[in-house]
Structure formats: C-alpha cells, structure tokens
N, C-alpha and C. Protein backbone atom coordinates (compact mmCIF):
# COMPACT_ATOMS: atom_id res chain seq x y z
N MET A 1 -7.72 -27.01 27.38
CA MET A 1 -8.69 -27.10 26.32
C MET A 1 -9.46 -25.79 26.16
N LEU A 2 -9.82 -25.13 27.24
CA LEU A 2 -10.56 -23.88 27.16
C LEU A 2 -9.72 -22.77 26.57
N ALA A 3 -8.41 -22.81 26.75
CA ALA A 3 -7.53 -21.79 26.18
C ALA A 3 -7.58 -21.83 24.65
N TYR A 4 -7.77 -23.00 24.09
CA TYR A 4 -7.87 -23.11 22.64
C TYR A 4 -9.07 -22.33 22.11
N PHE A 5 -10.20 -22.42 22.77
CA PHE A 5 -11.41 -21.74 22.32
C PHE A 5 -11.39 -20.26 22.63
N ALA A 6 -10.54 -19.82 23.55
CA ALA A 6 -10.42 -18.41 23.88
C ALA A 6 -9.51 -17.67 22.92
N SER A 7 -8.78 -18.38 22.07
CA SER A 7 -7.87 -17.72 21.14
C SER A 7 -8.64 -17.12 19.96
N GLN A 8 -7.92 -16.38 19.14
CA GLN A 8 -8.55 -15.76 17.98
C GLN A 8 -8.98 -16.83 16.98
N PRO A 9 -10.12 -16.63 16.32
CA PRO A 9 -10.58 -17.64 15.36
C PRO A 9 -9.69 -17.69 14.10
N LEU A 10 -9.11 -16.57 13.70
CA LEU A 10 -8.24 -16.53 12.53
C LEU A 10 -7.04 -15.66 12.89
N PRO A 11 -6.05 -16.22 13.60
CA PRO A 11 -4.95 -15.41 14.11
C PRO A 11 -4.01 -14.88 13.03
N LEU A 12 -4.00 -15.48 11.86
CA LEU A 12 -3.10 -15.07 10.79
C LEU A 12 -3.87 -15.12 9.48
N HIS A 13 -3.49 -14.28 8.54
CA HIS A 13 -4.19 -14.30 7.26
C HIS A 13 -3.94 -15.63 6.55
N PRO A 14 -4.86 -16.06 5.72
CA PRO A 14 -4.79 -17.41 5.15
C PRO A 14 -3.88 -17.54 3.92
N HIS A 15 -3.16 -16.49 3.53
CA HIS A 15 -2.30 -16.53 2.34
C HIS A 15 -3.08 -16.85 1.08
N ASN A 16 -4.30 -16.39 1.03
CA ASN A 16 -5.15 -16.56 -0.14
C ASN A 16 -6.14 -15.40 -0.12
N GLY A 17 -6.02 -14.49 -1.08
CA GLY A 17 -6.84 -13.29 -1.09
C GLY A 17 -8.32 -13.57 -1.19
N VAL A 18 -8.70 -14.52 -2.01
CA VAL A 18 -10.12 -14.85 -2.16
C VAL A 18 -10.68 -15.41 -0.85
N LEU A 19 -9.97 -16.34 -0.27
CA LEU A 19 -10.41 -16.93 1.00
C LEU A 19 -10.42 -15.88 2.11
N GLN A 20 -9.41 -15.01 2.12
CA GLN A 20 -9.35 -13.96 3.14
C GLN A 20 -10.53 -13.00 3.00
N ALA A 21 -10.87 -12.61 1.78
CA ALA A 21 -12.02 -11.73 1.56
C ALA A 21 -13.30 -12.43 2.02
N TRP A 22 -13.44 -13.71 1.72
CA TRP A 22 -14.63 -14.45 2.12
C TRP A 22 -14.74 -14.55 3.64
N LEU A 23 -13.63 -14.88 4.30
CA LEU A 23 -13.66 -15.07 5.75
C LEU A 23 -13.85 -13.75 6.50
N GLU A 24 -13.19 -12.69 6.03
CA GLU A 24 -13.22 -11.43 6.77
C GLU A 24 -14.39 -10.53 6.39
N LEU A 25 -14.86 -10.61 5.16
CA LEU A 25 -15.90 -9.70 4.70
C LEU A 25 -17.25 -10.36 4.49
N GLY A 26 -17.27 -11.68 4.49
CA GLY A 26 -18.52 -12.41 4.32
C GLY A 26 -18.96 -12.44 2.86
N VAL A 27 -20.22 -12.80 2.67
CA VAL A 27 -20.76 -12.96 1.32
C VAL A 27 -20.76 -11.62 0.58
N VAL A 28 -21.15 -10.55 1.27
CA VAL A 28 -21.20 -9.24 0.63
C VAL A 28 -19.81 -8.81 0.18
N GLY A 29 -18.81 -9.00 1.01
CA GLY A 29 -17.44 -8.65 0.64
C GLY A 29 -16.91 -9.50 -0.49
N ALA A 30 -17.22 -10.79 -0.46
CA ALA A 30 -16.78 -11.67 -1.54
C ALA A 30 -17.41 -11.26 -2.86
N LEU A 31 -18.68 -10.89 -2.83
CA LEU A 31 -19.35 -10.42 -4.04
C LEU A 31 -18.76 -9.09 -4.51
N ALA A 32 -18.39 -8.23 -3.57
CA ALA A 32 -17.76 -6.95 -3.94
C ALA A 32 -16.40 -7.17 -4.60
N VAL A 33 -15.61 -8.07 -4.05
CA VAL A 33 -14.30 -8.39 -4.65
C VAL A 33 -14.50 -8.99 -6.03
N ALA A 34 -15.46 -9.87 -6.19
CA ALA A 34 -15.75 -10.46 -7.50
C ALA A 34 -16.19 -9.40 -8.49
N ALA A 35 -17.02 -8.45 -8.05
CA ALA A 35 -17.48 -7.37 -8.93
C ALA A 35 -16.32 -6.49 -9.37
N ILE A 36 -15.42 -6.20 -8.46
CA ILE A 36 -14.25 -5.38 -8.80
C ILE A 36 -13.39 -6.10 -9.83
N LEU A 37 -13.17 -7.37 -9.62
CA LEU A 37 -12.36 -8.14 -10.57
C LEU A 37 -13.02 -8.20 -11.95
N ILE A 38 -14.34 -8.36 -11.98
CA ILE A 38 -15.06 -8.38 -13.25
C ILE A 38 -14.96 -7.02 -13.94
N LEU A 39 -15.07 -5.93 -13.18
CA LEU A 39 -14.93 -4.59 -13.77
C LEU A 39 -13.53 -4.37 -14.34
N VAL A 40 -12.52 -4.84 -13.65
CA VAL A 40 -11.15 -4.68 -14.14
C VAL A 40 -10.96 -5.46 -15.43
N VAL A 41 -11.41 -6.69 -15.47
CA VAL A 41 -11.27 -7.49 -16.69
C VAL A 41 -12.08 -6.86 -17.84
N GLY A 42 -13.26 -6.34 -17.53
CA GLY A 42 -14.04 -5.65 -18.56
C GLY A 42 -13.35 -4.42 -19.09
N GLY A 43 -12.69 -3.67 -18.21
CA GLY A 43 -11.92 -2.50 -18.65
C GLY A 43 -10.76 -2.88 -19.54
N ILE A 44 -10.08 -3.95 -19.19
CA ILE A 44 -8.97 -4.42 -20.02
C ILE A 44 -9.50 -4.86 -21.38
N GLU A 45 -10.65 -5.49 -21.39
CA GLU A 45 -11.24 -5.94 -22.67
C GLU A 45 -11.61 -4.75 -23.55
N ARG A 46 -12.13 -3.66 -22.95
CA ARG A 46 -12.44 -2.46 -23.73
C ARG A 46 -11.18 -1.85 -24.33
N VAL A 47 -10.08 -1.86 -23.56
CA VAL A 47 -8.81 -1.35 -24.09
C VAL A 47 -8.33 -2.24 -25.22
N ALA A 48 -8.55 -3.53 -25.12
CA ALA A 48 -8.09 -4.47 -26.14
C ALA A 48 -8.74 -4.19 -27.49
N ARG A 49 -9.94 -3.68 -27.47
CA ARG A 49 -10.62 -3.39 -28.73
C ARG A 49 -10.02 -2.17 -29.42
N ARG A 50 -9.40 -1.26 -28.65
CA ARG A 50 -8.84 -0.04 -29.23
C ARG A 50 -7.41 -0.19 -29.69
N ASN A 51 -6.59 -0.89 -28.92
CA ASN A 51 -5.17 -0.99 -29.28
C ASN A 51 -4.57 -2.29 -28.77
N ARG A 52 -3.30 -2.44 -29.02
CA ARG A 52 -2.63 -3.69 -28.64
C ARG A 52 -2.02 -3.64 -27.25
N ALA A 53 -2.34 -2.64 -26.49
CA ALA A 53 -1.79 -2.52 -25.14
C ALA A 53 -2.44 -3.50 -24.18
N ALA A 54 -3.41 -4.26 -24.64
CA ALA A 54 -4.13 -5.16 -23.75
C ALA A 54 -3.31 -6.37 -23.33
N ALA A 55 -2.41 -6.84 -24.16
CA ALA A 55 -1.62 -8.02 -23.79
C ALA A 55 -0.82 -7.77 -22.52
N PRO A 56 -0.08 -6.65 -22.42
CA PRO A 56 0.61 -6.40 -21.15
C PRO A 56 -0.35 -6.18 -19.98
N LEU A 57 -1.51 -5.58 -20.25
CA LEU A 57 -2.48 -5.38 -19.17
C LEU A 57 -3.02 -6.70 -18.65
N PHE A 58 -3.34 -7.62 -19.56
CA PHE A 58 -3.78 -8.94 -19.12
C PHE A 58 -2.67 -9.66 -18.36
N ALA A 59 -1.42 -9.48 -18.79
CA ALA A 59 -0.29 -10.10 -18.09
C ALA A 59 -0.16 -9.52 -16.68
N LEU A 60 -0.28 -8.20 -16.55
CA LEU A 60 -0.21 -7.58 -15.23
C LEU A 60 -1.35 -8.07 -14.34
N PHE A 61 -2.56 -8.11 -14.89
CA PHE A 61 -3.71 -8.56 -14.10
C PHE A 61 -3.54 -10.01 -13.67
N SER A 62 -3.11 -10.85 -14.61
CA SER A 62 -2.95 -12.28 -14.30
C SER A 62 -1.89 -12.50 -13.23
N THR A 63 -0.79 -11.77 -13.34
CA THR A 63 0.27 -11.90 -12.33
C THR A 63 -0.22 -11.45 -10.97
N GLY A 64 -0.89 -10.29 -10.92
CA GLY A 64 -1.43 -9.80 -9.66
C GLY A 64 -2.46 -10.74 -9.07
N ALA A 65 -3.33 -11.30 -9.91
CA ALA A 65 -4.35 -12.23 -9.43
C ALA A 65 -3.73 -13.52 -8.91
N LEU A 66 -2.70 -14.00 -9.58
CA LEU A 66 -2.02 -15.22 -9.13
C LEU A 66 -1.37 -15.00 -7.77
N ILE A 67 -0.69 -13.89 -7.61
CA ILE A 67 -0.04 -13.59 -6.33
C ILE A 67 -1.10 -13.36 -5.25
N PHE A 68 -2.16 -12.63 -5.59
CA PHE A 68 -3.25 -12.36 -4.64
C PHE A 68 -3.88 -13.66 -4.17
N GLY A 69 -4.00 -14.63 -5.06
CA GLY A 69 -4.66 -15.88 -4.72
C GLY A 69 -3.78 -16.90 -4.04
N SER A 70 -2.48 -16.63 -3.93
CA SER A 70 -1.62 -17.68 -3.38
C SER A 70 -0.68 -17.22 -2.26
N THR A 71 -0.45 -15.94 -2.10
CA THR A 71 0.49 -15.49 -1.07
C THR A 71 0.04 -14.17 -0.46
N PHE A 72 0.66 -13.83 0.63
CA PHE A 72 0.49 -12.54 1.31
C PHE A 72 -0.93 -12.36 1.82
N GLY A 73 -1.08 -11.34 2.65
CA GLY A 73 -2.39 -10.94 3.12
C GLY A 73 -2.94 -9.88 2.18
N ALA A 74 -4.22 -9.93 1.93
CA ALA A 74 -4.82 -9.03 0.95
C ALA A 74 -4.75 -7.57 1.39
N TRP A 75 -4.71 -7.31 2.69
CA TRP A 75 -4.80 -5.93 3.16
C TRP A 75 -3.45 -5.37 3.59
N GLN A 76 -2.36 -6.05 3.31
CA GLN A 76 -1.06 -5.51 3.69
C GLN A 76 -0.79 -4.25 2.89
N SER A 77 -0.33 -3.21 3.58
CA SER A 77 -0.20 -1.90 2.94
C SER A 77 0.80 -1.91 1.79
N TRP A 78 1.92 -2.60 1.93
CA TRP A 78 2.91 -2.60 0.86
C TRP A 78 2.37 -3.33 -0.37
N TRP A 79 1.56 -4.37 -0.18
CA TRP A 79 0.97 -5.11 -1.30
C TRP A 79 -0.07 -4.24 -2.01
N GLN A 80 -0.92 -3.57 -1.24
CA GLN A 80 -1.90 -2.66 -1.82
C GLN A 80 -1.20 -1.52 -2.58
N ALA A 81 -0.14 -0.97 -2.00
CA ALA A 81 0.60 0.11 -2.66
C ALA A 81 1.22 -0.37 -3.98
N ALA A 82 1.75 -1.57 -3.98
CA ALA A 82 2.34 -2.12 -5.22
C ALA A 82 1.28 -2.30 -6.29
N LEU A 83 0.11 -2.82 -5.92
CA LEU A 83 -0.97 -3.00 -6.89
C LEU A 83 -1.45 -1.67 -7.46
N TRP A 84 -1.64 -0.67 -6.59
CA TRP A 84 -2.10 0.64 -7.06
C TRP A 84 -1.05 1.32 -7.93
N LEU A 85 0.20 1.17 -7.59
CA LEU A 85 1.28 1.76 -8.39
C LEU A 85 1.33 1.14 -9.78
N VAL A 86 1.26 -0.18 -9.85
CA VAL A 86 1.27 -0.87 -11.15
C VAL A 86 0.04 -0.48 -11.96
N ALA A 87 -1.12 -0.39 -11.31
CA ALA A 87 -2.34 0.00 -12.03
C ALA A 87 -2.22 1.42 -12.59
N ALA A 88 -1.68 2.34 -11.79
CA ALA A 88 -1.51 3.72 -12.26
C ALA A 88 -0.53 3.79 -13.44
N LEU A 89 0.56 3.06 -13.35
CA LEU A 89 1.52 3.05 -14.45
C LEU A 89 0.92 2.42 -15.71
N ALA A 90 0.14 1.37 -15.55
CA ALA A 90 -0.50 0.73 -16.70
C ALA A 90 -1.49 1.68 -17.36
N ILE A 91 -2.26 2.41 -16.58
CA ILE A 91 -3.21 3.38 -17.14
C ILE A 91 -2.46 4.49 -17.86
N ALA A 92 -1.36 4.95 -17.29
CA ALA A 92 -0.57 6.00 -17.95
C ALA A 92 -0.01 5.51 -19.28
N VAL A 93 0.47 4.30 -19.34
CA VAL A 93 1.02 3.75 -20.58
C VAL A 93 -0.07 3.60 -21.63
N VAL A 94 -1.23 3.09 -21.23
CA VAL A 94 -2.33 2.91 -22.17
C VAL A 94 -2.82 4.26 -22.68
N ASN A 95 -2.96 5.24 -21.81
CA ASN A 95 -3.39 6.57 -22.24
C ASN A 95 -2.36 7.21 -23.15
N GLY A 96 -1.09 6.97 -22.91
CA GLY A 96 -0.04 7.48 -23.79
C GLY A 96 -0.07 6.81 -25.14
N ALA A 97 -0.39 5.53 -25.17
CA ALA A 97 -0.47 4.81 -26.44
C ALA A 97 -1.69 5.24 -27.24
N ASP A 98 -2.73 5.72 -26.56
CA ASP A 98 -3.94 6.17 -27.25
C ASP A 98 -3.81 7.57 -27.84
N SER A 99 -2.81 8.34 -27.40
CA SER A 99 -2.69 9.70 -27.89
C SER A 99 -2.26 9.70 -29.36
N PRO A 100 -2.57 10.77 -30.11
CA PRO A 100 -2.27 10.80 -31.54
C PRO A 100 -0.79 10.65 -31.85
N ASP A 101 0.08 11.16 -30.97
CA ASP A 101 1.51 11.05 -31.24
C ASP A 101 2.14 9.81 -30.62
N GLY A 102 1.31 8.92 -30.11
CA GLY A 102 1.82 7.67 -29.55
C GLY A 102 2.50 7.84 -28.21
N GLY A 103 2.25 8.97 -27.56
CA GLY A 103 2.86 9.21 -26.25
C GLY A 103 4.23 9.84 -26.34
N ALA A 104 4.68 10.16 -27.55
CA ALA A 104 6.03 10.74 -27.71
C ALA A 104 5.99 12.22 -27.37
N ARG A 105 7.00 12.68 -26.69
CA ARG A 105 7.13 14.10 -26.34
C ARG A 105 7.98 14.78 -27.40
N ARG A 106 7.63 15.99 -27.73
CA ARG A 106 8.42 16.75 -28.71
C ARG A 106 9.24 17.79 -28.02
C-alpha cells in the first residue's frame, strides 16, 4: 500500500492538452494557455476581415485544437514542431495572399 503513495502522482500525460496544462501549470498556466488560444482566434478573425484566407486558417486551428484536446502530450517535441511548422506555413500563405500580386512570382 505504501508503494502506491510513493509513486509519481501523474506518471503519464493525460492525453488531453487542456487537462495537462491545468495539472502541470496550475491556474496561471491554464489562464496563459487560454489567453494564447484567444489571441490566435483573434488573429484569425482579423485576417478574415481582410481576405478569404480565414477559412483554411480556422480549419487548421480547429484541427490542431481537436488533436490537442484529445490525444498526445502537449509538450512532445514532434507535436510542438508540427504545430509551429503549420503555423509558419499558414502565415506565409496569408502574407502571400495579401500581397498586391497575390503571391505570384514573376
């Protein structure tokens, strides 16, 4: 019985990014994650007012949020790298669509 209490309180990530942020970072971390998500959605909304590139951005965000909320550990390096890569590519596409020539190279 004592061996049970001597083990780690959370030996494996909970496969839920929101729950993992709450458990590992506490209230402050959960609020920080919520603030980041609100800023991202606000940025997508600002892009939506300028052009039609917002539909794919909302799709990317929704897909990432769904996966973040249901599988994997939030801090796994390959997952973080995939999110940052997709975000960088999305920003590049949106910035190319905003250019006067539509992102076309001459």
